[in-house]
C-alpha atoms as a PDB file:
ATOM      1  CA  MET A   1     -44.555 101.211  60.658  1.00  0.00           C
ATOM      2  CA  SER A   2     -48.333 100.746  59.684  1.00  0.00           C
ATOM      3  CA  ILE A   3     -50.416  97.873  59.855  1.00  0.00           C
ATOM      4  CA  GLU A   4     -52.717  97.208  56.348  1.00  0.00           C
ATOM      5  CA  ILE A   5     -56.081  95.956  57.701  1.00  0.00           C
ATOM      6  CA  LEU A   6     -58.615  95.240  54.646  1.00  0.00           C
ATOM      7  CA  PRO A   7     -61.674  97.058  54.303  1.00  0.00           C
ATOM      8  CA  SER A   8     -64.586  95.115  55.035  1.00  0.00           C
ATOM      9  CA  LYS A   9     -67.556  94.454  52.941  1.00  0.00           C
ATOM     10  CA  LYS A  10     -69.605  96.900  54.621  1.00  0.00           C
ATOM     11  CA  SER A  11     -67.245  99.581  54.478  1.00  0.00           C
ATOM     12  CA  ASN A  12     -67.906 102.616  51.976  1.00  0.00           C
ATOM     13  CA  LEU A  13     -64.314 101.661  50.540  1.00  0.00           C
ATOM     14  CA  SER A  14     -64.766  97.940  49.454  1.00  0.00           C
ATOM     15  CA  PRO A  15     -64.543  96.931  46.249  1.00  0.00           C
ATOM     16  CA  GLU A  16     -68.634  96.549  45.705  1.00  0.00           C
ATOM     17  CA  ILE A  17     -69.050 100.259  47.392  1.00  0.00           C
ATOM     18  CA  ILE A  18     -65.932 101.872  44.602  1.00  0.00           C
ATOM     19  CA  LYS A  19     -67.761 100.051  41.639  1.00  0.00           C
ATOM     20  CA  GLN A  20     -71.203 101.663  42.837  1.00  0.00           C
ATOM     21  CA  ASN A  21     -70.174 105.090  43.636  1.00  0.00           C
ATOM     22  CA  VAL A  22     -66.852 105.929  41.914  1.00  0.00           C
ATOM     23  CA  LEU A  23     -66.376 103.994  39.116  1.00  0.00           C
ATOM     24  CA  PRO A  24     -69.521 104.932  37.411  1.00  0.00           C
ATOM     25  CA  TYR A  25     -68.133 108.622  36.595  1.00  0.00           C
ATOM     26  CA  TYR A  26     -65.376 107.052  34.482  1.00  0.00           C
ATOM     27  CA  ASN A  27     -68.115 104.665  32.686  1.00  0.00           C
ATOM     28  CA  LEU A  28     -66.273 101.749  34.619  1.00  0.00           C
ATOM     29  CA  GLU A  29     -69.294  99.854  37.132  1.00  0.00           C
ATOM     30  CA  ASN A  30     -69.011  96.918  35.394  1.00  0.00           C
ATOM     31  CA  ALA A  31     -64.864  96.200  35.836  1.00  0.00           C
ATOM     32  CA  HIS A  32     -63.548  93.966  37.863  1.00  0.00           C
ATOM     33  CA  VAL A  33     -61.851  95.657  41.306  1.00  0.00           C
ATOM     34  CA  SER A  34     -59.448  94.400  43.409  1.00  0.00           C
ATOM     35  CA  ILE A  35     -57.560  95.840  46.188  1.00  0.00           C
ATOM     36  CA  ILE A  36     -53.890  96.552  46.442  1.00  0.00           C
ATOM     37  CA  LYS A  37     -53.427  98.531  49.084  1.00  0.00           C
ATOM     38  CA  PHE A  38     -55.416  99.855  52.066  1.00  0.00           C
ATOM     39  CA  LYS A  39     -53.895 101.591  54.767  1.00  0.00           C
ATOM     40  CA  ASN A  40     -56.174 102.560  57.807  1.00  0.00           C
ATOM     41  CA  THR A  41     -53.974 104.909  59.465  1.00  0.00           C
ATOM     42  CA  ASP A  42     -54.504 108.747  59.836  1.00  0.00           C
ATOM     43  CA  LYS A  43     -53.420 109.920  56.046  1.00  0.00           C
ATOM     44  CA  GLN A  44     -55.974 106.901  55.432  1.00  0.00           C
ATOM     45  CA  ARG A  45     -55.047 105.518  51.914  1.00  0.00           C
ATOM     46  CA  ALA A  46     -56.345 102.655  49.471  1.00  0.00           C
ATOM     47  CA  VAL A  47     -55.265 101.716  46.347  1.00  0.00           C
ATOM     48  CA  TYR A  48     -57.422  99.572  43.419  1.00  0.00           C
ATOM     49  CA  ARG A  49     -56.541  97.990  40.356  1.00  0.00           C
ATOM     50  CA  VAL A  50     -59.156  98.505  38.171  1.00  0.00           C
ATOM     51  CA  ASP A  51     -59.198  95.882  35.307  1.00  0.00           C
ATOM     52  CA  PHE A  52     -62.294  96.133  32.372  1.00  0.00           C
ATOM     53  CA  LYS A  53     -62.185  94.557  28.571  1.00  0.00           C
ATOM     54  CA  GLU A  54     -58.343  95.080  27.830  1.00  0.00           C
ATOM     55  CA  LYS A  55     -57.799  97.837  29.929  1.00  0.00           C
ATOM     56  CA  SER A  56     -56.286  98.150  33.364  1.00  0.00           C
ATOM     57  CA  TYR A  57     -56.321 101.796  35.883  1.00  0.00           C
ATOM     58  CA  CYS A  58     -55.046 102.474  39.141  1.00  0.00           C
ATOM     59  CA  LEU A  59     -57.857 104.155  41.442  1.00  0.00           C
ATOM     60  CA  LYS A  60     -56.691 105.578  44.698  1.00  0.00           C
ATOM     61  CA  LYS A  61     -58.197 107.519  47.322  1.00  0.00           C
ATOM     62  CA  VAL A  62     -55.776 110.015  48.457  1.00  0.00           C
ATOM     63  CA  TYR A  63     -55.355 111.099  51.836  1.00  0.00           C
ATOM     64  CA  TYR A  64     -55.094 115.320  51.259  1.00  0.00           C
ATOM     65  CA  ASP A  65     -57.161 117.583  50.560  1.00  0.00           C
ATOM     66  CA  LEU A  66     -58.576 118.961  47.158  1.00  0.00           C
ATOM     67  CA  GLN A  67     -55.851 121.905  47.271  1.00  0.00           C
ATOM     68  CA  ASP A  68     -52.622 119.671  47.394  1.00  0.00           C
ATOM     69  CA  LEU A  69     -54.703 116.946  45.053  1.00  0.00           C
ATOM     70  CA  LEU A  70     -54.738 120.590  42.563  1.00  0.00           C
ATOM     71  CA  TYR A  71     -51.020 120.929  42.887  1.00  0.00           C
ATOM     72  CA  VAL A  72     -49.954 116.799  42.591  1.00  0.00           C
ATOM     73  CA  TYR A  73     -52.130 117.220  39.446  1.00  0.00           C
ATOM     74  CA  SER A  74     -50.246 120.551  38.277  1.00  0.00           C
ATOM     75  CA  ALA A  75     -46.876 118.660  38.866  1.00  0.00           C
ATOM     76  CA  ILE A  76     -48.074 115.783  37.039  1.00  0.00           C
ATOM     77  CA  GLU A  77     -49.528 117.740  33.901  1.00  0.00           C
ATOM     78  CA  TRP A  78     -46.019 119.950  34.095  1.00  0.00           C
ATOM     79  CA  LEU A  79     -43.858 116.719  33.894  1.00  0.00           C
ATOM     80  CA  TYR A  80     -45.729 115.252  31.332  1.00  0.00           C
ATOM     81  CA  ARG A  81     -45.680 118.292  29.125  1.00  0.00           C
ATOM     82  CA  ASN A  82     -42.032 118.157  29.463  1.00  0.00           C
ATOM     83  CA  ASN A  83     -42.068 114.678  27.760  1.00  0.00           C
ATOM     84  CA  ILE A  84     -41.328 112.683  31.388  1.00  0.00           C
ATOM     85  CA  LYS A  85     -43.551 109.182  31.391  1.00  0.00           C
ATOM     86  CA  VAL A  86     -46.164 109.849  34.328  1.00  0.00           C
ATOM     87  CA  PRO A  87     -49.092 108.660  34.418  1.00  0.00           C
ATOM     88  CA  LYS A  88     -51.741 111.126  33.620  1.00  0.00           C
ATOM     89  CA  LEU A  89     -55.283 111.604  35.663  1.00  0.00           C
ATOM     90  CA  ILE A  90     -58.202 110.322  33.914  1.00  0.00           C
ATOM     91  CA  PRO A  91     -61.284 112.712  33.268  1.00  0.00           C
ATOM     92  CA  THR A  92     -64.380 111.884  34.427  1.00  0.00           C
ATOM     93  CA  ILE A  93     -67.126 111.476  32.404  1.00  0.00           C
ATOM     94  CA  ASP A  94     -68.571 114.650  33.341  1.00  0.00           C
ATOM     95  CA  LYS A  95     -64.749 116.009  32.942  1.00  0.00           C
ATOM     96  CA  ASN A  96     -63.235 116.760  36.083  1.00  0.00           C
ATOM     97  CA  ARG A  97     -60.118 114.813  37.059  1.00  0.00           C
ATOM     98  CA  PHE A  98     -61.400 113.359  40.403  1.00  0.00           C
ATOM     99  CA  VAL A  99     -64.285 111.808  42.140  1.00  0.00           C
ATOM    100  CA  SER A 100     -65.214 113.374  45.472  1.00  0.00           C
ATOM    101  CA  TYR A 101     -67.522 110.627  47.457  1.00  0.00           C
ATOM    102  CA  ASP A 102     -68.528 110.457  51.007  1.00  0.00           C
ATOM    103  CA  ASN A 103     -65.850 113.171  51.677  1.00  0.00           C
ATOM    104  CA  MET A 104     -62.796 111.482  50.334  1.00  0.00           C
ATOM    105  CA  LEU A 105     -61.488 111.960  46.857  1.00  0.00           C
ATOM    106  CA  PHE A 106     -60.378 109.445  44.032  1.00  0.00           C
ATOM    107  CA  ILE A 107     -58.166 110.043  40.868  1.00  0.00           C
ATOM    108  CA  LEU A 108     -57.875 107.109  38.163  1.00  0.00           C
ATOM    109  CA  THR A 109     -54.797 106.592  35.916  1.00  0.00           C
ATOM    110  CA  PRO A 110     -53.947 104.112  33.582  1.00  0.00           C
ATOM    111  CA  TRP A 111     -52.560 100.860  35.271  1.00  0.00           C
ATOM    112  CA  ILE A 112     -48.262 101.192  34.408  1.00  0.00           C
ATOM    113  CA  GLU A 113     -47.090  97.444  33.776  1.00  0.00           C
ATOM    114  CA  GLY A 114     -43.541  96.616  34.136  1.00  0.00           C
ATOM    115  CA  GLU A 115     -40.685  95.849  36.574  1.00  0.00           C
ATOM    116  CA  LYS A 116     -39.750  98.248  39.540  1.00  0.00           C
ATOM    117  CA  CYS A 117     -36.122  99.779  39.296  1.00  0.00           C
ATOM    118  CA  SER A 118     -33.941  97.054  40.526  1.00  0.00           C
ATOM    119  CA  PHE A 119     -31.298  98.643  42.453  1.00  0.00           C
ATOM    120  CA  ASP A 120     -29.246  95.621  41.760  1.00  0.00           C
ATOM    121  CA  ASN A 121     -29.298  96.715  38.114  1.00  0.00           C
ATOM    122  CA  ILE A 122     -26.682  99.727  37.733  1.00  0.00           C
ATOM    123  CA  ASN A 123     -28.137 100.469  34.864  1.00  0.00           C
ATOM    124  CA  HIS A 124     -31.663 100.775  36.444  1.00  0.00           C
ATOM    125  CA  VAL A 125     -29.881 102.998  38.938  1.00  0.00           C
ATOM    126  CA  LYS A 126     -27.747 105.181  36.718  1.00  0.00           C
ATOM    127  CA  LEU A 127     -31.112 105.688  34.428  1.00  0.00           C
ATOM    128  CA  SER A 128     -33.284 106.833  37.194  1.00  0.00           C
ATOM    129  CA  VAL A 129     -30.487 109.309  38.780  1.00  0.00           C
ATOM    130  CA  LYS A 130     -30.678 110.943  35.286  1.00  0.00           C
ATOM    131  CA  LYS A 131     -34.456 110.973  35.121  1.00  0.00           C
ATOM    132  CA  LEU A 132     -34.777 112.632  38.777  1.00  0.00           C
ATOM    133  CA  ALA A 133     -32.072 115.338  37.279  1.00  0.00           C
ATOM    134  CA  ILE A 134     -33.924 116.011  33.935  1.00  0.00           C
ATOM    135  CA  ILE A 135     -37.018 116.421  36.365  1.00  0.00           C
ATOM    136  CA  HIS A 136     -35.406 118.992  38.329  1.00  0.00           C
ATOM    137  CA  SER A 137     -34.023 120.974  35.584  1.00  0.00           C
ATOM    138  CA  ILE A 138     -36.889 121.342  33.870  1.00  0.00           C
ATOM    139  CA  SER A 139     -39.299 122.040  37.036  1.00  0.00           C
ATOM    140  CA  ARG A 140     -36.980 125.282  38.509  1.00  0.00           C
ATOM    141  CA  ASP A 141     -39.776 127.378  37.360  1.00  0.00           C
ATOM    142  CA  PHE A 142     -42.984 125.370  37.979  1.00  0.00           C
ATOM    143  CA  HIS A 143     -46.088 126.846  39.071  1.00  0.00           C
ATOM    144  CA  PRO A 144     -48.983 125.312  40.175  1.00  0.00           C
ATOM    145  CA  ILE A 145     -52.708 125.815  38.574  1.00  0.00           C
ATOM    146  CA  LEU A 146     -54.666 128.778  40.537  1.00  0.00           C
ATOM    147  CA  GLY A 147     -56.227 127.236  43.490  1.00  0.00           C
ATOM    148  CA  SER A 148     -53.636 124.537  44.327  1.00  0.00           C
ATOM    149  CA  SER A 149     -51.908 124.651  48.182  1.00  0.00           C
ATOM    150  CA  LEU A 150     -48.924 125.934  48.333  1.00  0.00           C
ATOM    151  CA  ARG A 151     -46.533 123.046  48.993  1.00  0.00           C
ATOM    152  CA  GLU A 152     -42.990 123.896  49.630  1.00  0.00           C
ATOM    153  CA  GLY A 153     -40.187 122.240  51.665  1.00  0.00           C
ATOM    154  CA  PHE A 154     -36.883 124.396  52.672  1.00  0.00           C
ATOM    155  CA  ASP A 155     -36.218 123.211  56.036  1.00  0.00           C
ATOM    156  CA  ASP A 156     -33.250 124.306  57.422  1.00  0.00           C
ATOM    157  CA  TYR A 157     -31.238 121.140  57.539  1.00  0.00           C
ATOM    158  CA  TYR A 158     -28.711 122.172  60.017  1.00  0.00           C
ATOM    159  CA  ILE A 159     -31.318 123.082  62.543  1.00  0.00           C
ATOM    160  CA  THR A 160     -32.848 119.107  61.671  1.00  0.00           C
ATOM    161  CA  THR A 161     -29.718 117.653  62.120  1.00  0.00           C
ATOM    162  CA  LEU A 162     -28.975 119.692  65.439  1.00  0.00           C
ATOM    163  CA  LYS A 163     -32.588 118.921  66.578  1.00  0.00           C
ATOM    164  CA  HIS A 164     -31.256 115.106  65.848  1.00  0.00           C
ATOM    165  CA  PHE A 165     -27.978 115.372  67.544  1.00  0.00           C
ATOM    166  CA  GLN A 166     -29.743 116.575  70.445  1.00  0.00           C
ATOM    167  CA  ASP A 167     -31.891 113.517  70.605  1.00  0.00           C
ATOM    168  CA  LEU A 168     -29.484 111.193  70.505  1.00  0.00           C
ATOM    169  CA  LEU A 169     -27.721 112.876  73.159  1.00  0.00           C
ATOM    170  CA  HIS A 170     -31.024 112.536  75.164  1.00  0.00           C
ATOM    171  CA  ALA A 171     -31.383 109.021  74.355  1.00  0.00           C
ATOM    172  CA  SER A 172     -27.916 108.335  75.917  1.00  0.00           C
ATOM    173  CA  ASN A 173     -28.903 110.243  78.881  1.00  0.00           C
ATOM    174  CA  GLU A 174     -31.995 107.701  79.178  1.00  0.00           C
ATOM    175  CA  SER A 175     -30.125 104.495  78.117  1.00  0.00           C
ATOM    176  CA  PHE A 176     -27.885 105.132  81.649  1.00  0.00           C
ATOM    177  CA  LYS A 177     -31.476 105.553  83.428  1.00  0.00           C
ATOM    178  CA  TYR A 178     -32.974 102.558  82.415  1.00  0.00           C
ATOM    179  CA  LYS A 179     -30.413  99.852  81.677  1.00  0.00           C
ATOM    180  CA  ASP A 180     -32.173  96.935  79.604  1.00  0.00           C
ATOM    181  CA  LYS A 181     -30.850  95.289  77.195  1.00  0.00           C
ATOM    182  CA  PHE A 182     -31.841  97.761  74.664  1.00  0.00           C
ATOM    183  CA  SER A 183     -30.051 100.314  76.332  1.00  0.00           C
ATOM    184  CA  ARG A 184     -27.039  98.464  76.988  1.00  0.00           C
ATOM    185  CA  HIS A 185     -26.952  97.508  73.129  1.00  0.00           C
ATOM    186  CA  PHE A 186     -27.466 101.498  72.338  1.00  0.00           C
ATOM    187  CA  ILE A 187     -24.692 102.393  74.926  1.00  0.00           C
ATOM    188  CA  LEU A 188     -22.207 100.003  72.823  1.00  0.00           C
ATOM    189  CA  ASN A 189     -22.918 101.519  69.646  1.00  0.00           C
ATOM    190  CA  PHE A 190     -23.174 105.662  70.584  1.00  0.00           C
ATOM    191  CA  ASP A 191     -19.830 106.524  70.402  1.00  0.00           C
ATOM    192  CA  LEU A 192     -19.310 105.579  66.564  1.00  0.00           C
ATOM    193  CA  ASN A 193     -22.972 106.898  65.918  1.00  0.00           C
ATOM    194  CA  LEU A 194     -22.173 109.917  67.671  1.00  0.00           C
ATOM    195  CA  LYS A 195     -19.408 110.576  65.579  1.00  0.00           C
ATOM    196  CA  LEU A 196     -21.285 110.079  62.340  1.00  0.00           C
ATOM    197  CA  ALA A 197     -23.822 112.391  63.728  1.00  0.00           C
ATOM    198  CA  GLN A 198     -21.201 114.987  64.440  1.00  0.00           C
ATOM    199  CA  ILE A 199     -19.494 114.558  60.909  1.00  0.00           C
ATOM    200  CA  SER A 200     -22.610 115.183  59.595  1.00  0.00           C
ATOM    201  CA  LEU A 201     -23.368 118.169  61.913  1.00  0.00           C
ATOM    202  CA  ASP A 202     -20.557 119.978  61.421  1.00  0.00           C
ATOM    203  CA  ILE A 203     -21.164 119.816  57.283  1.00  0.00           C
ATOM    204  CA  SER A 204     -24.515 121.076  57.618  1.00  0.00           C
ATOM    205  CA  ASN A 205     -23.173 124.197  59.366  1.00  0.00           C
ATOM    206  CA  ASN A 206     -21.408 125.182  56.191  1.00  0.00           C
ATOM    207  CA  ILE A 207     -24.513 124.962  53.781  1.00  0.00           C
ATOM    208  CA  ASP A 208     -25.313 128.231  52.514  1.00  0.00           C
ATOM    209  CA  LYS A 209     -29.356 128.034  51.917  1.00  0.00           C
ATOM    210  CA  ASN A 210     -29.237 130.690  49.183  1.00  0.00           C
ATOM    211  CA  ASN A 211     -26.759 128.269  47.207  1.00  0.00           C
ATOM    212  CA  LEU A 212     -28.867 125.312  47.328  1.00  0.00           C
ATOM    213  CA  SER A 213     -30.284 124.068  43.650  1.00  0.00           C
ATOM    214  CA  LYS A 214     -34.300 124.252  44.288  1.00  0.00           C
ATOM    215  CA  SER A 215     -37.094 122.723  41.872  1.00  0.00           C
ATOM    216  CA  LEU A 216     -39.991 120.548  41.990  1.00  0.00           C
ATOM    217  CA  CYS A 217     -39.461 117.747  43.663  1.00  0.00           C
ATOM    218  CA  HIS A 218     -40.522 113.844  43.276  1.00  0.00           C
ATOM    219  CA  GLY A 219     -40.819 113.263  47.338  1.00  0.00           C
ATOM    220  CA  ASP A 220     -40.476 109.557  47.548  1.00  0.00           C
ATOM    221  CA  TYR A 221     -38.239 108.780  44.491  1.00  0.00           C
ATOM    222  CA  VAL A 222     -37.288 105.094  45.523  1.00  0.00           C
ATOM    223  CA  ASN A 223     -37.358 101.873  43.488  1.00  0.00           C
ATOM    224  CA  LYS A 224     -41.354 101.023  43.990  1.00  0.00           C
ATOM    225  CA  ASN A 225     -41.977 104.326  42.386  1.00  0.00           C
ATOM    226  CA  LEU A 226     -39.665 103.897  39.189  1.00  0.00           C
ATOM    227  CA  ILE A 227     -41.236 101.483  36.407  1.00  0.00           C
ATOM    228  CA  PHE A 228     -39.380  99.915  33.918  1.00  0.00           C
ATOM    229  CA  ASN A 229     -41.252  98.563  30.708  1.00  0.00           C
ATOM    230  CA  SER A 230     -38.552  99.590  28.513  1.00  0.00           C
ATOM    231  CA  ALA A 231     -34.974  99.171  28.663  1.00  0.00           C
ATOM    232  CA  THR A 232     -34.423 103.180  28.575  1.00  0.00           C
ATOM    233  CA  ASP A 233     -36.760 105.415  30.167  1.00  0.00           C
ATOM    234  CA  PRO A 234     -38.716 104.561  33.749  1.00  0.00           C
ATOM    235  CA  TRP A 235     -42.516 105.602  34.341  1.00  0.00           C
ATOM    236  CA  ILE A 236     -42.296 107.828  37.658  1.00  0.00           C
ATOM    237  CA  ILE A 237     -45.312 107.186  39.813  1.00  0.00           C
ATOM    238  CA  ASP A 238     -46.874 108.297  43.112  1.00  0.00           C
ATOM    239  CA  PHE A 239     -46.777 112.068  43.117  1.00  0.00           C
ATOM    240  CA  ASP A 240     -48.553 111.993  46.479  1.00  0.00           C
ATOM    241  CA  LYS A 241     -45.346 113.895  48.424  1.00  0.00           C
ATOM    242  CA  CYS A 242     -44.284 116.014  45.496  1.00  0.00           C
ATOM    243  CA  LYS A 243     -43.347 119.595  46.934  1.00  0.00           C
ATOM    244  CA  ALA A 244     -40.697 122.508  46.257  1.00  0.00           C
ATOM    245  CA  ASP A 245     -38.070 121.777  48.035  1.00  0.00           C
ATOM    246  CA  TYR A 246     -34.312 121.446  47.727  1.00  0.00           C
ATOM    247  CA  CYS A 247     -32.990 119.018  44.930  1.00  0.00           C
ATOM    248  CA  ALA A 248     -30.401 117.657  46.936  1.00  0.00           C
ATOM    249  CA  LYS A 249     -33.001 115.987  49.688  1.00  0.00           C
ATOM    250  CA  ASP A 250     -34.450 113.918  46.939  1.00  0.00           C
ATOM    251  CA  LEU A 251     -31.532 113.085  45.342  1.00  0.00           C
ATOM    252  CA  ALA A 252     -30.202 112.184  49.122  1.00  0.00           C
ATOM    253  CA  TYR A 253     -33.375 110.253  50.016  1.00  0.00           C
ATOM    254  CA  PHE A 254     -32.712 108.278  46.951  1.00  0.00           C
ATOM    255  CA  MET A 255     -29.244 107.932  47.728  1.00  0.00           C
ATOM    256  CA  ARG A 256     -29.789 106.974  51.509  1.00  0.00           C
ATOM    257  CA  ARG A 257     -32.134 104.195  50.582  1.00  0.00           C
ATOM    258  CA  ILE A 258     -30.102 101.982  48.222  1.00  0.00           C
ATOM    259  CA  LEU A 259     -27.067 102.556  49.827  1.00  0.00           C
ATOM    260  CA  LYS A 260     -28.285 100.921  53.340  1.00  0.00           C
ATOM    261  CA  ARG A 261     -29.744  97.524  51.841  1.00  0.00           C
ATOM    262  CA  GLU A 262     -27.411  94.554  52.552  1.00  0.00           C
ATOM    263  CA  ASN A 263     -26.499  94.254  48.570  1.00  0.00           C
ATOM    264  CA  THR A 264     -25.365  97.672  48.332  1.00  0.00           C
ATOM    265  CA  LYS A 265     -24.455  98.380  51.859  1.00  0.00           C
ATOM    266  CA  TRP A 266     -22.335 101.543  51.814  1.00  0.00           C
ATOM    267  CA  ASN A 267     -20.903 101.241  48.570  1.00  0.00           C
ATOM    268  CA  ILE A 268     -18.370 103.885  47.546  1.00  0.00           C
ATOM    269  CA  GLU A 269     -18.115 103.228  43.782  1.00  0.00           C
ATOM    270  CA  LEU A 270     -21.950 102.743  43.935  1.00  0.00           C
ATOM    271  CA  ALA A 271     -22.584 106.281  45.516  1.00  0.00           C
ATOM    272  CA  LEU A 272     -19.755 108.034  43.307  1.00  0.00           C
ATOM    273  CA  THR A 273     -21.556 106.686  39.979  1.00  0.00           C
ATOM    274  CA  ILE A 274     -24.990 107.933  41.474  1.00  0.00           C
ATOM    275  CA  LEU A 275     -23.467 111.329  41.931  1.00  0.00           C
ATOM    276  CA  LYS A 276     -21.736 111.420  38.898  1.00  0.00           C
ATOM    277  CA  SER A 277     -24.552 110.411  36.353  1.00  0.00           C
ATOM    278  CA  TYR A 278     -26.646 113.303  38.172  1.00  0.00           C
ATOM    279  CA  ASN A 279     -23.753 116.201  37.404  1.00  0.00           C
ATOM    280  CA  GLU A 280     -23.618 115.132  33.854  1.00  0.00           C
ATOM    281  CA  ILE A 281     -27.395 116.872  33.489  1.00  0.00           C
ATOM    282  CA  CYS A 282     -27.478 118.843  36.563  1.00  0.00           C
ATOM    283  CA  GLN A 283     -24.541 120.487  38.168  1.00  0.00           C
ATOM    284  CA  PHE A 284     -24.219 120.463  41.754  1.00  0.00           C
ATOM    285  CA  THR A 285     -23.774 123.221  43.893  1.00  0.00           C
ATOM    286  CA  GLN A 286     -20.932 123.254  46.882  1.00  0.00           C
ATOM    287  CA  SER A 287     -24.042 123.929  49.077  1.00  0.00           C
ATOM    288  CA  ASP A 288     -25.898 120.922  46.881  1.00  0.00           C
ATOM    289  CA  LEU A 289     -22.782 118.581  48.052  1.00  0.00           C
ATOM    290  CA  LYS A 290     -22.664 119.285  51.252  1.00  0.00           C
ATOM    291  CA  TYR A 291     -26.543 118.639  51.844  1.00  0.00           C
ATOM    292  CA  LEU A 292     -25.863 115.417  50.201  1.00  0.00           C
ATOM    293  CA  ILE A 293     -23.157 113.999  51.859  1.00  0.00           C
ATOM    294  CA  SER A 294     -24.619 115.468  55.462  1.00  0.00           C
ATOM    295  CA  TYR A 295     -27.771 114.016  54.745  1.00  0.00           C
ATOM    296  CA  ILE A 296     -26.047 110.318  53.725  1.00  0.00           C
ATOM    297  CA  CYS A 297     -23.747 110.410  56.730  1.00  0.00           C
ATOM    298  CA  PHE A 298     -26.167 111.262  59.546  1.00  0.00           C
ATOM    299  CA  PRO A 299     -27.061 107.771  61.327  1.00  0.00           C
ATOM    300  CA  GLN A 300     -30.732 107.524  60.730  1.00  0.00           C
ATOM    301  CA  LYS A 301     -31.878 104.103  61.832  1.00  0.00           C
ATOM    302  CA  TYR A 302     -29.826 104.574  65.079  1.00  0.00           C
ATOM    303  CA  TRP A 303     -31.532 107.949  65.894  1.00  0.00           C
ATOM    304  CA  LYS A 304     -34.946 106.855  64.820  1.00  0.00           C
ATOM    305  CA  ILE A 305     -35.076 103.701  66.305  1.00  0.00           C
ATOM    306  CA  SER A 306     -33.938 105.124  70.123  1.00  0.00           C
ATOM    307  CA  ARG A 307     -36.201 107.980  69.991  1.00  0.00           C
ATOM    308  CA  ASP A 308     -38.748 105.831  69.411  1.00  0.00           C
ATOM    309  CA  TYR A 309     -37.725 103.408  72.112  1.00  0.00           C
ATOM    310  CA  TYR A 310     -37.614 106.017  74.785  1.00  0.00           C
ATOM    311  CA  LYS A 311     -40.773 107.935  73.585  1.00  0.00           C
ATOM    312  CA  ASN A 312     -42.694 104.551  74.213  1.00  0.00           C
ATOM    313  CA  VAL A 313     -40.235 102.649  76.998  1.00  0.00           C
ATOM    314  CA  HIS A 314     -43.076 101.525  79.215  1.00  0.00           C
ATOM    315  CA  LYS A 315     -45.514 100.136  76.280  1.00  0.00           C
ATOM    316  CA  CYS A 316     -43.458  98.936  73.058  1.00  0.00           C
ATOM    317  CA  ASN A 317     -42.460  95.724  71.969  1.00  0.00           C
ATOM    318  CA  LYS A 318     -38.770  95.843  73.578  1.00  0.00           C
ATOM    319  CA  PRO A 319     -37.820  92.679  71.738  1.00  0.00           C
ATOM    320  CA  ALA A 320     -38.917  94.182  68.614  1.00  0.00           C
ATOM    321  CA  PHE A 321     -37.202  97.368  69.364  1.00  0.00           C
ATOM    322  CA  LEU A 322     -33.863  95.370  70.353  1.00  0.00           C
ATOM    323  CA  SER A 323     -33.945  93.459  66.893  1.00  0.00           C
ATOM    324  CA  LEU A 324     -34.462  96.496  65.091  1.00  0.00           C
ATOM    325  CA  LEU A 325     -31.116  98.337  66.781  1.00  0.00           C
ATOM    326  CA  SER A 326     -29.081  95.527  66.344  1.00  0.00           C
ATOM    327  CA  ASN A 327     -29.686  95.130  62.817  1.00  0.00           C
ATOM    328  CA  ALA A 328     -29.035  98.731  62.427  1.00  0.00           C
ATOM    329  CA  THR A 329     -25.729  98.696  64.199  1.00  0.00           C
ATOM    330  CA  SER A 330     -24.726  96.081  62.609  1.00  0.00           C
ATOM    331  CA  LYS A 331     -23.723  98.725  59.805  1.00  0.00           C
ATOM    332  CA  THR A 332     -22.440 101.227  61.766  1.00  0.00           C
ATOM    333  CA  LYS A 333     -19.079 100.072  61.181  1.00  0.00           C
ATOM    334  CA  SER A 334     -19.334 100.299  57.290  1.00  0.00           C
ATOM    335  CA  GLN A 335     -21.413 103.888  57.171  1.00  0.00           C
ATOM    336  CA  TYR A 336     -18.629 105.556  58.499  1.00  0.00           C
ATOM    337  CA  ASP A 337     -16.027 103.980  57.054  1.00  0.00           C
ATOM    338  CA  PHE A 338     -18.282 105.221  53.852  1.00  0.00           C
ATOM    339  CA  SER A 339     -18.729 108.638  55.404  1.00  0.00           C
ATOM    340  CA  LEU A 340     -14.768 109.080  55.699  1.00  0.00           C
ATOM    341  CA  ASN A 341     -14.285 108.107  51.745  1.00  0.00           C
ATOM    342  CA  ILE A 342     -16.873 109.751  50.475  1.00  0.00           C
ATOM    343  CA  ILE A 343     -16.046 113.042  52.321  1.00  0.00           C
ATOM    344  CA  ASP A 344     -12.070 113.270  50.821  1.00  0.00           C
ATOM    345  CA  ILE A 345     -13.620 111.334  47.352  1.00  0.00           C
ATOM    346  CA  VAL A 346     -15.923 114.498  46.805  1.00  0.00           C
ATOM    347  CA  GLN A 347     -13.687 117.163  48.102  1.00  0.00           C
ATOM    348  CA  ASN A 348     -11.351 115.781  45.311  1.00  0.00           C
ATOM    349  CA  GLU A 349     -13.893 114.838  42.724  1.00  0.00           C
ATOM    350  CA  PHE A 350     -15.622 117.918  42.900  1.00  0.00           C
ATOM    351  CA  ASN A 351     -13.412 120.641  44.638  1.00  0.00           C
ATOM    352  CA  VAL A 352     -15.415 121.300  47.248  1.00  0.00           C
ATOM    353  CA  THR A 353     -14.169 121.915  50.838  1.00  0.00           C
ATOM    354  CA  LEU A 354     -17.089 119.698  53.054  1.00  0.00           C
ATOM    355  CA  LEU A 355     -15.176 120.079  56.418  1.00  0.00           C
END
């Protein structure tokens, strides 16, 4: 978890400095500027709302280099030309698509008004999933412009899952070593979480990488990046993490985010609705489904919290970690029951063998 600290008035990222050094390139030096987000981490980023006359804009200080920015620009232009609602980068007065100031890069887009995708609104969910399927289907032959970085994922998911599985075994050894409150709670919930991890590992072991669908992927396809200002067609924003990758990973990330929520906690009907909505537009391969189900079944929170705890056991906030672990394990039984059910249902509905 990163702590957000607003830049001071003397900072080179304060609204006053931005107005003086960045906005003149857009003829917006007289605009009103407000800070929406500032993260002073290794990947420092800032987001501003810029209001001038009757128009509003989003100014973003990006955390990556020019080659990555050219890739992001290429992706946005590609999707725009294929009728996807994305906020285009506004050109500067000298026809560039960015401003370089003090070794930092800034981009400007229109401010998109509307409500973020509600995971409690089934129409929002279905429309968002179908939009992702369309993005994947039209982006299989996407190529960025000359000078862009080569942004690719395509990690071996079995190797990733195996490493996480081994992390859990290591955490188990550490828990018996320390025997503190966190460790006792970890041990109490270990068997069921290890079963989930084993299910995920067994399924991922059967993935044929050559059978996985590939395309341009958003990389952070979650509700905050899906803005509805009409009933039927969401805007897609924030392409900072976009890359060429496996389509199943993009969808699985979205699904896990919605399924772990309290209101939609491991809802089997919702999961099946999402899968069917996507499949109507972009048909799954067998390996796509194996990747999806393996990804969703893995006890991500339990693994990540325990890994981070034992890496920092002598200097971490132990009550805070225990609270996080307790919250994660309160949903383990629901996730385990869901995993067994979704495997049976997907095997029958899509005629695929997962285990």
